[in-house]
Amino acid sequence: MASPALAVDQNTAFLPFQIIAQTVDESLTDKVDDNLTNVLLLNNFQMLDREEAEELVDYTKWPPDTAALDSIAKVTGLDSVAAGSVTIIGSQISIDVKVYDVLNPENPRYFFKEAGSMAELELIIGQVMDEVIAYAERDQLIGRIAPDGNARIDSGAILRKIQSKAGDTYDPAILRDDLKAIYSMGYFDDVQIDVTDGDTGKVVTFRVVEKPAISSVSFSGIDELDDDDVTEVITIKENSILNPARVNEAAAAIETLYKSKGYYNTTVTPNISYPTPETAAVRFVVEEGKKIYIKEISFEGNDSFDSDDLEDVLETKTKWFLSWLTEAGLLDRGKLEQDSARIVAFYHNNGYLEARVGEPVITQEEEWLYIKFIIEEGPRFKVGTVNLEGDLISEKEVFLSMLAIRSEEYLSRKTLRDDILRIQDYYSEQGYAFAEARPKMDISESGSRVDITLSVDRGDLVYISRIAIRGNTRTRDNVIRRELEIEEGGVFNTKGIRDSNRNLQRLNFFEEVNITPEPALDPSKMNVSVDIKEKSTGQFSIGAGYSSVDNLILMG
């Protein structure tokens, strides 16, 4: 049935059905009228009251004659009349409906549905009336909508960009928005709307003129980088539709690539030519300029730490005499963002839990770059009381002895994080693979101290379901399994996994050993994957290292 959201102004009078059956009683009449009324109400339409209809139409002479149609039109003020009948013969039901144009009653539109039982009465009334309404309101509904003129752009891709759909109310304002949406795809030089009348409603056609296809993509002025490196960062390709916005994006991507290599003044100008009306040649003209390095990194707001201390945590560096080899001093925006996070972490690990760092300020002066980090340090917090609660599987003192944060004067997020991992690892060694320790931090009334409580949830005890060994072609499974400190059906144990890895490495049979826990279908179980890479036959290794204690060390 049609949705109320698609309802339009009613322009058709709907007469109650004539009922043809062996027995027509009040119950059957009410049932048919109620079903028709409900279907029409879903579309915000109304059925003419049966008593009123019987005053206008002689139901013994069906269908209504021209005089009756004129009377209905005058009373209702509507342009069309829908008159139908329900015929019931045994268990068979059929519905016939004619829609009359009061100005041309000799040529009505006919609709028909049938069903095999009375249980389907409401269904077929709904089906036939959906068709009747679509036809009667065809001047106000979209019957069909499609693009035309698109040879390379898929019609589905175009239709997914618009709001209007077949069956929707015809709304010129929405169609204008649809036109803009199609044009904004960037693939068309022109988009026009063509609207004609059809049997089921307005036929809306978006007539498009596609942009040319890209016949070639080339570069000029590239000396310091490889063409292949530049090609990798652009999204436009040969034989794709020309999209000027995408071309500009590609030029910007090339400039970004150059900036990441230190060529901060590089400009890229896209030129588009048209060898034929159907094709376009794109050429990117590159002016590389010279490499620009970072001359100075400064900090603002760092009252508690020297700039040298902060600069030590940065990956971004200023230029020095080996920059030609190490690329130190070149600006990498990705690294710069990470450096902001590193400064925040540095402060958080030194008690400044509310420290913030703004976006780095980059200034260019002639051939040099200057970078400034603006810092808000906030207050410094000391470590207060440290406690544990929850599912403790050992005495509290055992856990407290593990916590390095207790010996810290100032709160350090890194130290606290390491302590949490240490406790969770202790639980994992006892088979509680999913244990969690959550910190609760309360600032004291003085505002200078933080009290810490670690709340432990041990979770369920986890067992090892299956141990899968992969990658061994010469070494038998039993040789590997006897080195494992874990077993199928046993309690999960992270220490056993570490010891197993160490044992396999000591065999000196393998180049790589990776033992990885993996979730099983049963949440109380884990699978363990042992992935190995065997050494080649006859392979040996030798290496050398230097220790200030042991001097030269040979390894073989």
Protein backbone atom coordinates (compact mmCIF):
# COMPACT_ATOMS: atom_id res chain seq x y z
CA MET A 1 0.00 0.00 0.00
CA ALA A 2 1.08 3.56 -0.58
CA SER A 3 2.71 5.40 2.27
CA PRO A 4 1.02 8.40 3.91
CA ALA A 5 4.29 10.25 3.38
CA LEU A 6 3.52 10.21 -0.36
CA ALA A 7 -0.04 11.48 -0.02
CA VAL A 8 -1.23 14.24 -2.36
CA ASP A 9 -4.39 16.37 -2.51
CA GLN A 10 -7.40 14.23 -3.40
CA ASN A 11 -8.80 14.89 -6.88
CA THR A 12 -10.89 11.74 -7.32
CA ALA A 13 -14.23 10.80 -5.74
CA PHE A 14 -14.18 7.20 -4.51
CA LEU A 15 -17.60 5.54 -4.49
CA PRO A 16 -18.34 2.59 -2.20
CA PHE A 17 -18.10 -0.71 -4.10
CA GLN A 18 -21.14 -2.34 -5.62
CA ILE A 19 -21.29 -5.82 -4.02
CA ILE A 20 -22.37 -8.81 -6.10
CA ALA A 21 -22.77 -11.99 -4.08
CA GLN A 22 -25.28 -14.76 -3.39
CA THR A 23 -26.09 -13.08 -0.08
CA VAL A 24 -25.35 -9.39 0.51
CA ASP A 25 -25.98 -8.57 4.13
CA GLU A 26 -25.03 -5.67 6.38
CA SER A 27 -21.99 -7.53 7.74
CA LEU A 28 -20.49 -8.09 4.30
CA THR A 29 -21.22 -4.51 3.23
CA ASP A 30 -19.58 -3.09 6.35
CA LYS A 31 -16.53 -5.30 5.86
CA VAL A 32 -16.04 -4.19 2.24
CA ASP A 33 -16.61 -0.52 3.13
CA ASP A 34 -14.24 -0.67 6.10
CA ASN A 35 -11.46 -2.21 4.01
CA LEU A 36 -11.82 0.41 1.28
CA THR A 37 -12.00 3.23 3.84
CA ASN A 38 -8.82 2.04 5.60
CA VAL A 39 -6.86 1.79 2.33
CA LEU A 40 -7.89 5.30 1.32
CA LEU A 41 -7.10 6.75 4.76
CA LEU A 42 -3.51 5.50 4.42
CA ASN A 43 -3.25 7.99 1.57
CA ASN A 44 -5.25 10.72 3.35
CA PHE A 45 -8.17 10.09 0.97
CA GLN A 46 -11.83 9.59 1.84
CA MET A 47 -14.59 7.33 0.49
CA LEU A 48 -17.97 8.86 -0.21
CA ASP A 49 -20.46 7.76 2.44
CA ARG A 50 -22.58 4.85 1.13
CA GLU A 51 -25.89 6.52 2.00
CA GLU A 52 -24.83 9.71 0.23
CA ALA A 53 -23.54 7.71 -2.75
CA GLU A 54 -26.83 5.80 -3.07
CA GLU A 55 -28.66 9.14 -3.32
CA LEU A 56 -26.45 10.14 -6.26
CA VAL A 57 -26.08 6.75 -8.00
CA ASP A 58 -28.52 3.95 -8.73
CA TYR A 59 -26.51 0.88 -7.56
CA THR A 60 -28.95 -1.40 -9.46
CA LYS A 61 -27.75 0.19 -12.70
CA TRP A 62 -23.98 -0.22 -12.66
CA PRO A 63 -21.70 1.39 -13.62
CA PRO A 64 -22.93 4.98 -13.13
CA ASP A 65 -24.14 6.77 -16.24
CA THR A 66 -22.92 10.19 -17.40
CA ALA A 67 -25.65 12.06 -15.52
CA ALA A 68 -24.70 10.32 -12.26
CA LEU A 69 -21.02 11.11 -12.83
CA ASP A 70 -21.87 14.79 -13.39
CA SER A 71 -23.89 14.84 -10.16
CA ILE A 72 -20.99 13.33 -8.19
CA ALA A 73 -18.56 15.85 -9.69
CA LYS A 74 -20.81 18.78 -8.76
CA VAL A 75 -21.35 17.56 -5.18
CA THR A 76 -17.70 16.70 -4.48
CA GLY A 77 -16.02 19.32 -6.68
CA LEU A 78 -13.57 16.65 -7.91
CA ASP A 79 -12.41 15.97 -11.47
CA SER A 80 -12.55 12.17 -11.52
CA VAL A 81 -14.75 9.38 -10.17
CA ALA A 82 -13.63 5.89 -9.22
CA ALA A 83 -16.48 3.36 -9.27
CA GLY A 84 -16.04 -0.36 -8.77
CA SER A 85 -17.61 -3.62 -7.80
CA VAL A 86 -16.73 -6.62 -5.65
CA THR A 87 -17.94 -9.94 -7.05
CA ILE A 88 -18.00 -13.01 -4.78
CA ILE A 89 -18.73 -16.41 -6.36
CA GLY A 90 -18.11 -19.25 -3.92
CA SER A 91 -14.60 -18.68 -2.57
CA GLN A 92 -13.50 -16.60 -5.57
CA ILE A 93 -13.33 -12.80 -5.28
CA SER A 94 -12.80 -10.27 -8.05
CA ILE A 95 -12.62 -6.49 -7.98
CA ASP A 96 -13.34 -4.29 -11.00
CA VAL A 97 -12.72 -0.53 -10.84
CA LYS A 98 -13.18 2.13 -13.48
CA VAL A 99 -11.80 5.66 -13.16
CA TYR A 100 -13.80 8.23 -15.10
CA ASP A 101 -12.65 11.66 -16.20
CA VAL A 102 -15.88 13.69 -15.92
CA LEU A 103 -14.85 15.64 -19.05
CA ASN A 104 -14.31 12.41 -21.01
CA PRO A 105 -16.47 9.71 -19.36
CA GLU A 106 -16.61 7.57 -22.52
CA ASN A 107 -12.97 6.45 -22.04
CA PRO A 108 -12.51 5.25 -18.44
CA ARG A 109 -9.34 3.49 -17.20
CA TYR A 110 -10.03 -0.08 -16.08
CA PHE A 111 -8.40 -1.98 -13.16
CA PHE A 112 -8.94 -5.58 -12.08
CA LYS A 113 -7.74 -7.94 -9.32
CA GLU A 114 -8.89 -11.37 -8.15
CA ALA A 115 -8.20 -13.71 -5.24
CA GLY A 116 -9.07 -17.22 -4.09
CA SER A 117 -10.58 -16.57 -0.67
CA MET A 118 -12.31 -13.97 1.48
CA ALA A 119 -9.19 -13.86 3.68
CA GLU A 120 -7.48 -11.98 0.84
CA LEU A 121 -10.19 -9.34 0.50
CA GLU A 122 -8.25 -6.55 2.25
CA LEU A 123 -5.08 -7.47 0.32
CA ILE A 124 -6.58 -7.21 -3.16
CA ILE A 125 -8.54 -4.04 -2.29
CA GLY A 126 -5.22 -2.51 -1.26
CA GLN A 127 -3.49 -3.70 -4.43
CA VAL A 128 -6.13 -2.46 -6.85
CA MET A 129 -6.55 0.87 -5.05
CA ASP A 130 -2.79 1.52 -5.09
CA GLU A 131 -2.97 1.29 -8.88
CA VAL A 132 -6.12 3.40 -9.01
CA ILE A 133 -4.62 6.14 -6.82
CA ALA A 134 -1.38 6.15 -8.82
CA TYR A 135 -3.37 6.61 -12.02
CA ALA A 136 -5.85 9.15 -10.63
CA GLU A 137 -3.10 11.26 -9.11
CA ARG A 138 -0.65 10.77 -11.97
CA ASP A 139 -0.38 14.53 -12.53
CA GLN A 140 0.87 14.91 -8.96
CA LEU A 141 3.13 11.83 -8.73
CA ILE A 142 6.39 10.79 -10.35
CA GLY A 143 5.68 7.73 -12.48
CA ARG A 144 9.22 7.18 -13.74
CA ILE A 145 12.58 8.89 -13.18
CA ALA A 146 15.82 8.21 -15.04
CA PRO A 147 18.93 9.87 -16.48
CA ASP A 148 19.62 10.13 -20.20
CA GLY A 149 22.80 10.87 -22.12
CA ASN A 150 25.17 9.12 -19.71
CA ALA A 151 27.44 6.74 -21.59
CA ARG A 152 30.21 6.18 -19.03
CA ILE A 153 28.59 7.07 -15.69
CA ASP A 154 26.30 4.31 -14.39
CA SER A 155 22.62 5.30 -14.09
CA GLY A 156 22.45 3.75 -10.64
CA ALA A 157 25.28 5.99 -9.42
CA ILE A 158 23.32 9.04 -10.62
CA LEU A 159 20.01 7.95 -9.08
CA ARG A 160 21.68 7.29 -5.72
CA LYS A 161 22.58 11.00 -5.58
CA ILE A 162 19.00 12.27 -5.76
CA GLN A 163 16.07 12.38 -3.33
CA SER A 164 13.20 11.86 -5.78
CA LYS A 165 11.97 8.33 -6.53
CA ALA A 166 9.23 6.83 -8.67
CA GLY A 167 5.98 7.05 -6.69
CA ASP A 168 6.98 10.23 -4.85
CA THR A 169 4.95 13.41 -4.98
CA TYR A 170 5.99 15.56 -7.92
CA ASP A 171 7.81 18.49 -6.32
CA PRO A 172 9.71 20.91 -8.60
CA ALA A 173 11.72 22.31 -5.64
CA ILE A 174 13.08 18.87 -4.74
CA LEU A 175 13.83 18.15 -8.40
CA ARG A 176 15.87 21.36 -8.60
CA ASP A 177 17.89 20.13 -5.61
CA ASP A 178 18.31 16.80 -7.40
CA LEU A 179 19.64 18.61 -10.46
CA LYS A 180 22.23 20.39 -8.31
CA ALA A 181 23.21 17.09 -6.67
CA ILE A 182 23.82 15.45 -10.03
CA TYR A 183 25.82 18.42 -11.28
CA SER A 184 27.89 18.43 -8.08
CA MET A 185 29.10 14.92 -8.91
CA GLY A 186 31.54 16.72 -11.17
CA TYR A 187 31.12 14.40 -14.15
CA PHE A 188 28.83 16.54 -16.29
CA ASP A 189 29.16 19.76 -18.25
CA ASP A 190 25.40 20.26 -18.29
CA VAL A 191 22.32 18.81 -16.56
CA GLN A 192 18.72 19.61 -17.60
CA ILE A 193 15.35 18.34 -16.37
CA ASP A 194 12.72 17.18 -18.86
CA VAL A 195 9.20 16.41 -17.52
CA THR A 196 6.41 14.79 -19.53
CA ASP A 197 3.07 13.19 -18.65
CA GLY A 198 2.84 9.39 -18.53
CA ASP A 199 0.18 6.80 -17.76
CA THR A 200 1.35 6.36 -14.15
CA GLY A 201 2.52 9.90 -13.46
CA LYS A 202 5.15 12.42 -14.46
CA VAL A 203 8.08 11.04 -16.45
CA VAL A 204 11.17 12.88 -15.15
CA THR A 205 14.33 12.69 -17.22
CA PHE A 206 17.66 14.22 -16.23
CA ARG A 207 19.39 14.91 -19.51
CA VAL A 208 23.14 15.03 -18.90
CA VAL A 209 26.13 15.96 -21.02
CA GLU A 210 29.17 14.05 -19.78
CA LYS A 211 32.56 15.64 -19.41
CA PRO A 212 35.28 14.24 -21.66
CA ALA A 213 37.27 11.15 -20.72
CA ILE A 214 40.89 11.65 -19.67
CA SER A 215 43.08 10.44 -22.52
CA SER A 216 46.44 11.11 -20.82
CA VAL A 217 48.00 12.24 -17.52
CA SER A 218 51.50 13.71 -17.70
CA PHE A 219 53.95 15.79 -15.65
CA SER A 220 56.58 18.41 -16.36
CA GLY A 221 59.21 19.95 -14.11
CA ILE A 222 59.78 16.86 -11.94
CA ASP A 223 63.51 16.49 -11.25
CA GLU A 224 63.92 15.68 -7.56
CA LEU A 225 61.24 12.96 -7.28
CA ASP A 226 60.34 9.95 -9.39
CA ASP A 227 57.31 10.16 -11.67
CA ASP A 228 56.07 6.86 -10.20
CA ASP A 229 56.06 8.35 -6.67
CA VAL A 230 54.02 11.28 -7.89
CA THR A 231 51.60 9.06 -9.81
CA GLU A 232 50.88 7.05 -6.66
CA VAL A 233 49.48 10.05 -4.75
CA ILE A 234 46.96 11.18 -7.37
CA THR A 235 43.52 9.64 -7.85
CA ILE A 236 42.83 10.61 -11.46
CA LYS A 237 43.61 7.97 -14.06
CA GLU A 238 43.48 7.65 -17.81
CA ASN A 239 40.06 6.73 -19.27
CA SER A 240 38.24 8.12 -16.23
CA ILE A 241 35.76 11.00 -16.49
CA LEU A 242 37.35 14.44 -16.24
CA ASN A 243 36.47 16.04 -12.92
CA PRO A 244 38.12 19.44 -12.41
CA ALA A 245 37.70 19.18 -8.63
CA ARG A 246 39.57 15.87 -8.64
CA VAL A 247 42.28 17.41 -10.82
CA ASN A 248 42.76 20.21 -8.28
CA GLU A 249 42.83 17.66 -5.47
CA ALA A 250 45.55 15.76 -7.35
CA ALA A 251 47.60 18.96 -7.70
CA ALA A 252 47.26 19.57 -3.95
CA ALA A 253 48.32 15.97 -3.24
CA ILE A 254 51.47 16.45 -5.32
CA GLU A 255 52.29 19.62 -3.41
CA THR A 256 51.80 17.76 -0.12
CA LEU A 257 54.16 15.03 -1.32
CA TYR A 258 56.82 17.60 -2.14
CA LYS A 259 56.37 19.30 1.23
CA SER A 260 56.93 15.96 2.97
CA LYS A 261 60.27 15.79 1.17
CA GLY A 262 61.25 19.30 2.24
CA TYR A 263 60.21 21.21 -0.90
CA TYR A 264 57.91 23.55 0.94
CA ASN A 265 57.66 26.16 -1.84
CA THR A 266 56.65 23.73 -4.58
CA THR A 267 53.72 24.83 -6.74
CA VAL A 268 51.73 22.53 -9.01
CA THR A 269 49.56 23.96 -11.80
CA PRO A 270 47.16 21.63 -13.63
CA ASN A 271 46.61 22.31 -17.34
CA ILE A 272 43.74 20.70 -19.23
CA SER A 273 43.60 20.53 -23.03
CA TYR A 274 41.01 18.91 -25.31
CA PRO A 275 42.48 16.93 -28.24
CA THR A 276 38.90 16.00 -29.26
CA PRO A 277 35.48 17.01 -27.96
CA GLU A 278 35.25 13.64 -26.17
CA THR A 279 38.74 13.53 -24.61
CA ALA A 280 40.89 15.63 -22.28
CA ALA A 281 44.64 15.64 -21.65
CA VAL A 282 45.76 16.58 -18.12
CA ARG A 283 49.24 17.92 -17.51
CA PHE A 284 50.66 18.91 -14.12
CA VAL A 285 53.30 21.62 -14.33
CA VAL A 286 55.58 21.41 -11.28
CA GLU A 287 57.86 24.16 -10.01
CA GLU A 288 59.88 22.36 -7.36
CA GLY A 289 61.89 25.14 -5.75
CA LYS A 290 64.53 24.34 -3.16
CA LYS A 291 64.34 22.25 -0.02
CA ILE A 292 63.35 24.20 3.08
CA TYR A 293 64.47 23.03 6.51
CA ILE A 294 63.39 23.71 10.08
CA LYS A 295 65.73 26.24 11.64
CA GLU A 296 64.18 26.59 15.07
CA ILE A 297 61.74 24.78 17.37
CA SER A 298 60.44 26.85 20.26
CA PHE A 299 57.97 26.45 23.11
CA GLU A 300 55.62 28.85 24.83
CA GLY A 301 54.11 28.30 28.28
CA ASN A 302 56.69 25.72 29.45
CA ASP A 303 57.34 27.21 32.87
CA SER A 304 58.31 23.93 34.55
CA PHE A 305 60.64 22.38 31.99
CA ASP A 306 63.48 23.72 29.84
CA SER A 307 62.99 23.78 26.10
CA ASP A 308 65.88 21.32 25.79
CA ASP A 309 63.97 18.80 27.92
CA LEU A 310 60.92 19.07 25.66
CA GLU A 311 62.91 19.02 22.45
CA ASP A 312 64.42 15.68 23.52
CA VAL A 313 60.98 14.00 23.30
CA LEU A 314 60.31 15.27 19.77
CA GLU A 315 60.87 13.27 16.62
CA THR A 316 60.89 16.49 14.59
CA LYS A 317 64.39 18.00 14.56
CA THR A 318 66.12 21.10 13.25
CA LYS A 319 68.63 20.99 10.40
CA TRP A 320 72.18 19.89 11.13
CA PHE A 321 75.23 19.09 9.04
CA LEU A 322 74.12 15.49 8.28
CA SER A 323 70.57 16.44 7.27
CA TRP A 324 71.41 15.63 3.64
CA LEU A 325 71.81 12.02 4.80
CA THR A 326 69.26 11.65 7.62
CA GLU A 327 66.59 14.08 6.36
CA ALA A 328 66.52 15.58 9.87
CA GLY A 329 65.11 19.10 9.74
CA LEU A 330 62.46 18.33 7.14
CA LEU A 331 58.86 19.04 8.09
CA ASP A 332 56.59 16.00 8.35
CA ARG A 333 53.12 17.05 9.47
CA GLY A 334 52.27 13.53 10.61
CA LYS A 335 55.31 13.46 12.88
CA LEU A 336 54.52 16.98 14.06
CA GLU A 337 51.05 15.93 15.23
CA GLN A 338 52.60 12.97 17.04
CA ASP A 339 55.11 15.34 18.65
CA SER A 340 52.24 17.32 20.16
CA ALA A 341 50.98 14.07 21.69
CA ARG A 342 54.51 13.26 22.91
CA ILE A 343 54.72 16.57 24.75
CA VAL A 344 51.33 15.93 26.37
CA ALA A 345 52.50 12.44 27.41
CA PHE A 346 55.72 13.91 28.82
CA TYR A 347 53.72 16.29 31.03
CA HIS A 348 51.22 13.58 32.03
CA ASN A 349 54.12 11.38 33.10
CA ASN A 350 55.45 14.15 35.30
CA GLY A 351 52.30 14.91 37.26
CA TYR A 352 50.67 17.47 34.94
CA LEU A 353 47.48 15.53 34.23
CA GLU A 354 45.62 18.49 32.74
CA ALA A 355 48.39 19.69 30.41
CA ARG A 356 47.36 20.58 26.87
CA VAL A 357 49.28 21.42 23.71
CA GLY A 358 47.78 23.48 20.92
CA GLU A 359 48.25 22.85 17.21
CA PRO A 360 51.88 23.63 16.28
CA VAL A 361 52.37 27.06 14.71
CA ILE A 362 54.43 26.87 11.50
CA THR A 363 56.00 30.04 10.16
CA GLN A 364 58.05 30.38 7.00
CA GLU A 365 60.65 33.11 6.66
CA GLU A 366 62.51 33.06 3.37
CA GLU A 367 64.24 29.65 3.09
CA TRP A 368 63.61 28.59 6.72
CA LEU A 369 60.73 27.13 8.78
CA TYR A 370 60.07 28.00 12.41
CA ILE A 371 57.88 25.82 14.64
CA LYS A 372 56.28 26.81 17.94
CA PHE A 373 54.42 24.59 20.43
CA ILE A 374 52.04 26.47 22.75
CA ILE A 375 51.61 24.67 26.07
CA GLU A 376 49.12 24.97 28.93
CA GLU A 377 50.75 23.10 31.80
CA GLY A 378 48.00 23.20 34.40
CA PRO A 379 48.51 22.07 38.02
CA ARG A 380 50.96 19.35 39.09
CA PHE A 381 49.57 16.42 41.09
CA LYS A 382 51.38 14.31 43.64
CA VAL A 383 50.60 10.64 44.30
CA GLY A 384 48.25 10.24 47.28
CA THR A 385 46.96 6.97 48.65
CA VAL A 386 47.11 3.83 46.48
CA ASN A 387 44.65 1.00 47.06
CA LEU A 388 43.12 -2.06 45.36
CA GLU A 389 39.61 -3.51 45.46
CA GLY A 390 37.55 -6.12 43.68
CA ASP A 391 38.39 -9.72 42.79
CA LEU A 392 41.76 -10.17 44.46
CA ILE A 393 43.17 -13.68 43.97
CA SER A 394 46.11 -13.07 46.34
CA GLU A 395 46.70 -11.00 49.44
CA LYS A 396 46.43 -7.26 48.83
CA GLU A 397 50.05 -6.78 49.90
CA VAL A 398 51.18 -9.00 47.01
CA PHE A 399 49.62 -6.58 44.54
CA LEU A 400 50.69 -3.44 46.34
CA SER A 401 54.30 -4.63 46.16
CA MET A 402 53.97 -4.73 42.36
CA LEU A 403 52.96 -1.07 42.08
CA ALA A 404 55.82 1.24 41.15
CA ILE A 405 53.46 4.23 41.34
CA ARG A 406 53.63 4.04 45.16
CA SER A 407 57.28 5.15 45.10
CA GLU A 408 56.64 8.04 42.71
CA GLU A 409 56.35 11.54 44.13
CA TYR A 410 54.34 12.85 41.19
CA LEU A 411 51.69 10.95 39.31
CA SER A 412 52.88 9.37 36.05
CA ARG A 413 50.36 7.94 33.61
CA LYS A 414 53.04 5.68 32.11
CA THR A 415 54.01 4.24 35.49
CA LEU A 416 50.34 3.69 36.35
CA ARG A 417 49.70 2.07 32.97
CA ASP A 418 52.68 -0.26 33.45
CA ASP A 419 51.41 -1.19 36.92
CA ILE A 420 47.99 -2.04 35.51
CA LEU A 421 49.57 -4.25 32.84
CA ARG A 422 51.69 -5.95 35.51
CA ILE A 423 48.61 -6.82 37.57
CA GLN A 424 46.64 -8.01 34.55
CA ASP A 425 49.60 -10.15 33.47
CA TYR A 426 49.71 -11.70 36.98
CA TYR A 427 46.05 -12.68 36.58
CA SER A 428 46.69 -14.02 33.06
CA GLU A 429 49.42 -16.27 34.45
CA GLN A 430 46.76 -17.76 36.73
CA GLY A 431 44.36 -18.41 33.83
CA TYR A 432 42.27 -15.22 34.00
CA ALA A 433 43.00 -14.10 30.44
CA PHE A 434 40.42 -11.31 30.41
CA ALA A 435 41.08 -9.77 33.81
CA GLU A 436 40.86 -5.98 33.94
CA ALA A 437 42.20 -3.46 36.42
CA ARG A 438 40.48 -0.09 36.12
CA PRO A 439 41.96 2.98 37.82
CA LYS A 440 39.76 5.40 39.75
CA MET A 441 41.49 8.69 40.50
CA ASP A 442 40.15 11.17 43.03
CA ILE A 443 41.67 14.61 43.44
CA SER A 444 42.08 15.56 47.08
CA GLU A 445 40.35 18.58 48.59
CA SER A 446 43.61 20.50 48.48
CA GLY A 447 43.74 19.91 44.73
CA SER A 448 47.40 18.92 44.76
CA ARG A 449 47.16 15.16 45.34
CA VAL A 450 45.48 12.27 43.52
CA ASP A 451 44.28 9.18 45.39
CA ILE A 452 44.31 6.04 43.22
CA THR A 453 42.14 2.94 43.55
CA LEU A 454 42.59 0.01 41.16
CA SER A 455 39.35 -1.93 40.79
CA VAL A 456 40.01 -5.49 39.60
CA ASP A 457 37.54 -7.65 37.68
CA ARG A 458 39.14 -11.05 37.19
CA GLY A 459 36.56 -12.41 34.73
CA ASP A 460 36.16 -16.14 34.09
CA LEU A 461 38.90 -18.73 34.24
CA VAL A 462 40.01 -19.51 30.67
CA TYR A 463 41.18 -22.86 29.35
CA ILE A 464 43.16 -23.72 26.21
CA SER A 465 40.90 -25.39 23.65
CA ARG A 466 43.26 -26.12 20.77
CA ILE A 467 46.94 -25.61 19.93
CA ALA A 468 47.55 -25.26 16.17
CA ILE A 469 51.09 -25.56 14.80
CA ARG A 470 51.76 -24.05 11.38
CA GLY A 471 54.76 -23.55 9.15
CA ASN A 472 56.73 -26.70 10.04
CA THR A 473 57.62 -28.80 7.00
CA ARG A 474 60.59 -30.76 8.39
CA THR A 475 60.14 -30.54 12.15
CA ARG A 476 57.49 -32.90 13.47
CA ASP A 477 54.64 -31.59 15.62
CA ASN A 478 55.63 -33.75 18.59
CA VAL A 479 59.11 -32.18 18.65
CA ILE A 480 57.50 -28.76 18.94
CA ARG A 481 54.79 -29.79 21.40
CA ARG A 482 57.24 -31.26 23.90
CA GLU A 483 58.84 -27.80 24.20
CA LEU A 484 55.53 -26.15 25.02
CA GLU A 485 54.76 -25.21 28.62
CA ILE A 486 51.03 -25.16 27.81
CA GLU A 487 48.65 -27.96 26.85
CA GLU A 488 45.22 -28.41 25.35
CA GLY A 489 42.61 -28.53 28.09
CA GLY A 490 44.95 -26.81 30.53
CA VAL A 491 44.48 -23.44 32.16
CA PHE A 492 45.55 -20.50 29.99
CA ASN A 493 48.91 -19.14 31.19
CA THR A 494 50.78 -16.21 29.67
CA LYS A 495 53.98 -17.18 31.46
CA GLY A 496 53.70 -20.62 29.91
CA ILE A 497 53.36 -19.01 26.49
CA ARG A 498 56.48 -16.88 27.04
CA ASP A 499 58.45 -19.91 28.29
CA SER A 500 57.24 -21.96 25.31
CA ASN A 501 58.47 -19.30 22.92
CA ARG A 502 61.85 -19.24 24.65
CA ASN A 503 62.15 -23.05 24.53
CA LEU A 504 61.45 -23.17 20.80
CA GLN A 505 63.94 -20.40 20.10
CA ARG A 506 66.61 -22.37 21.99
CA LEU A 507 66.21 -25.34 19.64
CA ASN A 508 67.87 -23.20 16.97
CA PHE A 509 65.68 -24.87 14.33
CA PHE A 510 63.65 -21.80 13.47
CA GLU A 511 64.18 -18.33 12.06
CA GLU A 512 60.94 -17.06 13.60
CA VAL A 513 58.60 -18.27 16.34
CA ASN A 514 55.29 -16.56 17.07
CA ILE A 515 52.85 -17.92 19.65
CA THR A 516 49.55 -16.09 19.55
CA PRO A 517 46.39 -16.59 21.67
CA GLU A 518 43.19 -16.44 19.62
CA PRO A 519 39.53 -16.29 20.78
CA ALA A 520 37.54 -19.53 20.53
CA LEU A 521 33.79 -19.84 19.94
CA ASP A 522 33.38 -20.62 23.65
CA PRO A 523 34.22 -17.38 25.55
CA SER A 524 35.69 -19.45 28.39
CA LYS A 525 38.31 -20.94 26.07
CA MET A 526 41.21 -19.75 23.95
CA ASN A 527 42.99 -21.27 20.96
CA VAL A 528 46.75 -20.90 20.65
CA SER A 529 48.47 -20.56 17.27
CA VAL A 530 52.15 -21.55 17.01
CA ASP A 531 53.53 -20.08 13.77
CA ILE A 532 57.09 -20.95 12.90
CA LYS A 533 59.50 -20.37 10.03
CA GLU A 534 62.13 -23.05 9.73
CA LYS A 535 65.75 -22.31 8.94
CA SER A 536 67.09 -23.46 5.59
CA THR A 537 69.03 -26.73 5.62
CA GLY A 538 72.69 -26.12 6.53
CA GLN A 539 72.01 -22.49 7.52
CA PHE A 540 74.08 -21.04 10.33
CA SER A 541 74.39 -17.52 11.68
CA ILE A 542 77.20 -15.49 13.12
CA GLY A 543 77.09 -12.03 14.56
CA ALA A 544 79.12 -9.69 16.65
CA GLY A 545 78.32 -7.10 19.28
CA TYR A 546 80.13 -4.81 21.67
CA SER A 547 79.55 -4.43 25.39
CA SER A 548 81.37 -2.05 27.68
CA VAL A 549 81.52 -4.90 30.20
CA ASP A 550 82.32 -7.92 28.03
CA ASN A 551 84.10 -6.11 25.18
CA LEU A 552 83.69 -8.02 21.89
CA ILE A 553 80.96 -10.67 21.90
CA LEU A 554 80.68 -13.30 19.12
CA MET A 555 77.32 -14.98 18.48
CA GLY A 556 76.98 -18.03 16.29
